[in-house]
Amino acid sequence: MIKRQDFLLLIRIDDSTLDEWLKDEFLSPYQVENDFIFSEIDVARAHLILDLQNNMGVNNPGLSIILHLIDQMHSMRRLMSDVVTTLEKPSDKSLQE
């Protein structure tokens, strides 16, 4: 877990940029008392955001759409994994036969 100041140094952004990302809900840190705690997922998302902004010229509305689609894809992937796991388990009927 990474505190706010360490996150700023690690990602090399300023407070106002981070505040904008938080306002736009691009990151989902935990809030502990008066500080935010960031995860490795937040670090990866921050690097992706910087890459999309700086190297591809994506603006904030575009970032919002892209990040939302990525989140949907990850949710779908987890769901599909759960379905596969369920299908691979032997059913109670097959155990009785």
N, C-alpha and C. Protein backbone atom coordinates (compact mmCIF):
# COMPACT_ATOMS: atom_id res chain seq x y z
N MET A 1 0.83 -1.18 0.00
CA MET A 1 0.00 0.00 0.00
C MET A 1 0.88 1.25 0.00
N ILE A 2 0.46 2.23 -0.76
CA ILE A 2 1.29 3.40 -1.02
C ILE A 2 0.55 4.66 -0.58
N LYS A 3 1.20 5.47 0.25
CA LYS A 3 0.60 6.72 0.70
C LYS A 3 0.64 7.76 -0.42
N ARG A 4 -0.18 8.77 -0.28
CA ARG A 4 -0.35 9.81 -1.31
C ARG A 4 0.98 10.43 -1.76
N GLN A 5 1.78 10.89 -0.82
CA GLN A 5 3.03 11.56 -1.19
C GLN A 5 3.98 10.61 -1.92
N ASP A 6 4.03 9.36 -1.49
CA ASP A 6 4.86 8.38 -2.17
C ASP A 6 4.33 8.08 -3.57
N PHE A 7 3.01 8.05 -3.69
CA PHE A 7 2.37 7.83 -5.00
C PHE A 7 2.73 8.96 -5.96
N LEU A 8 2.65 10.21 -5.48
CA LEU A 8 3.00 11.36 -6.31
C LEU A 8 4.43 11.27 -6.82
N LEU A 9 5.34 10.87 -5.94
CA LEU A 9 6.75 10.74 -6.33
C LEU A 9 6.94 9.58 -7.31
N LEU A 10 6.28 8.48 -7.04
CA LEU A 10 6.41 7.29 -7.88
C LEU A 10 5.90 7.53 -9.30
N ILE A 11 4.76 8.18 -9.40
CA ILE A 11 4.13 8.41 -10.71
C ILE A 11 4.66 9.68 -11.38
N ARG A 12 5.26 10.54 -10.57
CA ARG A 12 5.82 11.81 -11.05
C ARG A 12 4.73 12.74 -11.59
N ILE A 13 3.72 12.93 -10.74
CA ILE A 13 2.66 13.89 -11.03
C ILE A 13 2.55 14.85 -9.85
N ASP A 14 1.84 15.96 -10.07
CA ASP A 14 1.66 16.92 -8.99
C ASP A 14 0.30 16.71 -8.32
N ASP A 15 0.12 17.42 -7.21
CA ASP A 15 -1.12 17.30 -6.43
C ASP A 15 -2.36 17.61 -7.25
N SER A 16 -2.30 18.65 -8.07
CA SER A 16 -3.49 19.05 -8.82
C SER A 16 -3.89 17.99 -9.84
N THR A 17 -2.91 17.33 -10.45
CA THR A 17 -3.22 16.25 -11.40
C THR A 17 -3.88 15.09 -10.67
N LEU A 18 -3.31 14.72 -9.53
CA LEU A 18 -3.90 13.62 -8.76
C LEU A 18 -5.30 13.98 -8.30
N ASP A 19 -5.49 15.21 -7.83
CA ASP A 19 -6.83 15.63 -7.40
C ASP A 19 -7.84 15.55 -8.54
N GLU A 20 -7.40 15.91 -9.74
CA GLU A 20 -8.29 15.83 -10.91
C GLU A 20 -8.62 14.37 -11.22
N TRP A 21 -7.63 13.49 -11.17
CA TRP A 21 -7.88 12.07 -11.42
C TRP A 21 -8.84 11.49 -10.38
N LEU A 22 -8.68 11.90 -9.13
CA LEU A 22 -9.57 11.41 -8.08
C LEU A 22 -10.99 11.94 -8.27
N LYS A 23 -11.09 13.21 -8.65
CA LYS A 23 -12.40 13.80 -8.91
C LYS A 23 -13.11 13.08 -10.06
N ASP A 24 -12.33 12.73 -11.09
CA ASP A 24 -12.88 12.03 -12.25
C ASP A 24 -13.02 10.52 -12.02
N GLU A 25 -12.63 10.06 -10.83
CA GLU A 25 -12.73 8.66 -10.42
C GLU A 25 -11.92 7.73 -11.33
N PHE A 26 -10.75 8.21 -11.78
CA PHE A 26 -9.85 7.37 -12.57
C PHE A 26 -9.13 6.37 -11.68
N LEU A 27 -8.97 6.69 -10.41
CA LEU A 27 -8.31 5.83 -9.44
C LEU A 27 -9.26 5.57 -8.28
N SER A 28 -9.02 4.47 -7.57
CA SER A 28 -9.89 4.11 -6.44
C SER A 28 -9.07 3.79 -5.19
N PRO A 29 -8.40 4.78 -4.64
CA PRO A 29 -7.61 4.50 -3.43
C PRO A 29 -8.52 4.34 -2.21
N TYR A 30 -7.94 3.72 -1.19
CA TYR A 30 -8.63 3.64 0.09
C TYR A 30 -8.40 4.96 0.82
N GLN A 31 -9.42 5.41 1.54
CA GLN A 31 -9.23 6.62 2.34
C GLN A 31 -9.11 6.20 3.79
N VAL A 32 -7.98 6.57 4.40
CA VAL A 32 -7.72 6.28 5.80
C VAL A 32 -7.47 7.61 6.48
N GLU A 33 -8.38 7.94 7.39
CA GLU A 33 -8.35 9.24 8.07
C GLU A 33 -8.31 10.35 7.02
N ASN A 34 -7.28 11.16 7.00
CA ASN A 34 -7.20 12.27 6.04
C ASN A 34 -6.23 11.99 4.89
N ASP A 35 -5.94 10.73 4.64
CA ASP A 35 -4.97 10.39 3.61
C ASP A 35 -5.54 9.30 2.71
N PHE A 36 -4.98 9.20 1.51
CA PHE A 36 -5.34 8.14 0.59
C PHE A 36 -4.24 7.09 0.58
N ILE A 37 -4.64 5.84 0.45
CA ILE A 37 -3.72 4.73 0.33
C ILE A 37 -3.97 4.09 -1.04
N PHE A 38 -2.91 4.03 -1.84
CA PHE A 38 -3.02 3.53 -3.21
C PHE A 38 -2.49 2.11 -3.31
N SER A 39 -3.08 1.34 -4.21
CA SER A 39 -2.67 -0.04 -4.43
C SER A 39 -1.80 -0.13 -5.68
N GLU A 40 -1.28 -1.31 -5.92
CA GLU A 40 -0.51 -1.55 -7.15
C GLU A 40 -1.39 -1.39 -8.38
N ILE A 41 -2.67 -1.68 -8.25
CA ILE A 41 -3.60 -1.47 -9.37
C ILE A 41 -3.69 0.02 -9.69
N ASP A 42 -3.74 0.86 -8.67
CA ASP A 42 -3.76 2.31 -8.90
C ASP A 42 -2.48 2.77 -9.61
N VAL A 43 -1.35 2.18 -9.24
CA VAL A 43 -0.09 2.52 -9.89
C VAL A 43 -0.14 2.15 -11.36
N ALA A 44 -0.62 0.94 -11.66
CA ALA A 44 -0.73 0.50 -13.05
C ALA A 44 -1.68 1.39 -13.84
N ARG A 45 -2.82 1.74 -13.23
CA ARG A 45 -3.78 2.62 -13.91
C ARG A 45 -3.17 4.00 -14.16
N ALA A 46 -2.42 4.51 -13.18
CA ALA A 46 -1.80 5.82 -13.34
C ALA A 46 -0.81 5.81 -14.51
N HIS A 47 -0.03 4.73 -14.62
CA HIS A 47 0.90 4.62 -15.74
C HIS A 47 0.14 4.55 -17.07
N LEU A 48 -0.96 3.82 -17.08
CA LEU A 48 -1.79 3.75 -18.29
C LEU A 48 -2.36 5.12 -18.63
N ILE A 49 -2.86 5.83 -17.63
CA ILE A 49 -3.41 7.17 -17.85
C ILE A 49 -2.36 8.09 -18.46
N LEU A 50 -1.17 8.08 -17.89
CA LEU A 50 -0.09 8.92 -18.41
C LEU A 50 0.26 8.55 -19.84
N ASP A 51 0.31 7.25 -20.12
CA ASP A 51 0.62 6.79 -21.47
C ASP A 51 -0.46 7.25 -22.45
N LEU A 52 -1.71 7.08 -22.07
CA LEU A 52 -2.81 7.49 -22.94
C LEU A 52 -2.81 9.01 -23.17
N GLN A 53 -2.55 9.78 -22.11
CA GLN A 53 -2.55 11.23 -22.24
C GLN A 53 -1.33 11.73 -23.01
N ASN A 54 -0.15 11.29 -22.61
CA ASN A 54 1.08 11.86 -23.14
C ASN A 54 1.48 11.29 -24.50
N ASN A 55 1.27 10.00 -24.71
CA ASN A 55 1.72 9.38 -25.94
C ASN A 55 0.64 9.25 -27.01
N MET A 56 -0.62 9.26 -26.56
CA MET A 56 -1.71 9.07 -27.52
C MET A 56 -2.65 10.26 -27.60
N GLY A 57 -2.45 11.24 -26.73
CA GLY A 57 -3.26 12.46 -26.79
C GLY A 57 -4.71 12.31 -26.37
N VAL A 58 -4.99 11.31 -25.54
CA VAL A 58 -6.37 11.08 -25.09
C VAL A 58 -6.73 12.13 -24.03
N ASN A 59 -7.90 12.75 -24.19
CA ASN A 59 -8.35 13.75 -23.21
C ASN A 59 -9.13 13.07 -22.08
N ASN A 60 -9.53 13.85 -21.07
CA ASN A 60 -10.20 13.27 -19.90
C ASN A 60 -11.50 12.55 -20.23
N PRO A 61 -12.38 13.11 -21.07
CA PRO A 61 -13.58 12.34 -21.42
C PRO A 61 -13.23 11.00 -22.10
N GLY A 62 -12.21 11.02 -22.95
CA GLY A 62 -11.76 9.78 -23.59
C GLY A 62 -11.20 8.80 -22.58
N LEU A 63 -10.42 9.32 -21.61
CA LEU A 63 -9.88 8.46 -20.55
C LEU A 63 -11.00 7.80 -19.76
N SER A 64 -12.01 8.56 -19.47
CA SER A 64 -13.14 8.03 -18.71
C SER A 64 -13.77 6.85 -19.44
N ILE A 65 -13.97 6.98 -20.73
CA ILE A 65 -14.56 5.90 -21.53
C ILE A 65 -13.62 4.69 -21.58
N ILE A 66 -12.35 4.93 -21.85
CA ILE A 66 -11.38 3.83 -21.95
C ILE A 66 -11.27 3.08 -20.63
N LEU A 67 -11.14 3.80 -19.52
CA LEU A 67 -11.01 3.14 -18.22
C LEU A 67 -12.28 2.37 -17.86
N HIS A 68 -13.43 2.92 -18.20
CA HIS A 68 -14.70 2.22 -17.95
C HIS A 68 -14.76 0.92 -18.75
N LEU A 69 -14.34 0.97 -20.01
CA LEU A 69 -14.34 -0.24 -20.85
C LEU A 69 -13.36 -1.28 -20.32
N ILE A 70 -12.20 -0.83 -19.87
CA ILE A 70 -11.22 -1.76 -19.29
C ILE A 70 -11.79 -2.41 -18.03
N ASP A 71 -12.45 -1.63 -17.20
CA ASP A 71 -13.07 -2.18 -15.99
C ASP A 71 -14.14 -3.21 -16.35
N GLN A 72 -14.93 -2.92 -17.38
CA GLN A 72 -15.95 -3.88 -17.82
C GLN A 72 -15.31 -5.17 -18.33
N MET A 73 -14.23 -5.03 -19.08
CA MET A 73 -13.54 -6.22 -19.59
C MET A 73 -13.00 -7.08 -18.45
N HIS A 74 -12.42 -6.46 -17.43
CA HIS A 74 -11.91 -7.21 -16.29
C HIS A 74 -13.04 -7.89 -15.53
N SER A 75 -14.16 -7.21 -15.39
CA SER A 75 -15.32 -7.82 -14.71
C SER A 75 -15.83 -9.02 -15.51
N MET A 76 -15.89 -8.87 -16.82
CA MET A 76 -16.35 -9.96 -17.68
C MET A 76 -15.37 -11.14 -17.61
N ARG A 77 -14.10 -10.84 -17.57
CA ARG A 77 -13.09 -11.90 -17.48
C ARG A 77 -13.23 -12.68 -16.17
N ARG A 78 -13.45 -11.96 -15.05
CA ARG A 78 -13.66 -12.63 -13.76
C ARG A 78 -14.91 -13.49 -13.81
N LEU A 79 -15.97 -12.96 -14.40
CA LEU A 79 -17.23 -13.70 -14.51
C LEU A 79 -17.03 -14.96 -15.34
N MET A 80 -16.35 -14.84 -16.47
CA MET A 80 -16.11 -16.00 -17.32
C MET A 80 -15.25 -17.04 -16.59
N SER A 81 -14.29 -16.59 -15.81
CA SER A 81 -13.46 -17.51 -15.04
C SER A 81 -14.31 -18.26 -14.02
N ASP A 82 -15.24 -17.55 -13.38
CA ASP A 82 -16.15 -18.20 -12.43
C ASP A 82 -17.04 -19.23 -13.12
N VAL A 83 -17.51 -18.89 -14.31
CA VAL A 83 -18.36 -19.82 -15.07
C VAL A 83 -17.57 -21.07 -15.42
N VAL A 84 -16.35 -20.90 -15.91
CA VAL A 84 -15.52 -22.05 -16.27
C VAL A 84 -15.24 -22.91 -15.04
N THR A 85 -14.93 -22.28 -13.92
CA THR A 85 -14.67 -23.03 -12.68
C THR A 85 -15.90 -23.83 -12.28
N THR A 86 -17.07 -23.21 -12.39
CA THR A 86 -18.32 -23.89 -12.04
C THR A 86 -18.58 -25.06 -12.98
N LEU A 87 -18.33 -24.87 -14.25
CA LEU A 87 -18.57 -25.93 -15.22
C LEU A 87 -17.58 -27.09 -15.07
N GLU A 88 -16.39 -26.80 -14.58
CA GLU A 88 -15.38 -27.85 -14.40
C GLU A 88 -15.60 -28.69 -13.16
N LYS A 89 -16.39 -28.18 -12.21
CA LYS A 89 -16.68 -28.94 -11.00
C LYS A 89 -17.67 -30.05 -11.33
N PRO A 90 -17.45 -31.22 -10.76
CA PRO A 90 -18.44 -32.29 -10.99
C PRO A 90 -19.75 -31.93 -10.29
N SER A 91 -20.83 -32.20 -10.96
CA SER A 91 -22.13 -31.91 -10.35
C SER A 91 -22.48 -32.99 -9.35
N ASP A 92 -23.42 -32.71 -8.48
CA ASP A 92 -23.87 -33.68 -7.49
C ASP A 92 -24.47 -34.90 -8.18
N LYS A 93 -25.15 -34.70 -9.31
CA LYS A 93 -25.76 -35.82 -10.03
C LYS A 93 -24.71 -36.79 -10.53
N SER A 94 -23.62 -36.27 -11.08
CA SER A 94 -22.59 -37.17 -11.61
C SER A 94 -21.90 -37.93 -10.50
N LEU A 95 -21.87 -37.40 -9.31
CA LEU A 95 -21.28 -38.10 -8.17
C LEU A 95 -22.17 -39.25 -7.69
N GLN A 96 -23.49 -39.09 -7.86
CA GLN A 96 -24.42 -40.11 -7.40
C GLN A 96 -24.50 -41.28 -8.36
N GLU A 97 -24.16 -41.07 -9.59
CA GLU A 97 -24.30 -42.16 -10.58
C GLU A 97 -23.18 -43.13 -10.52
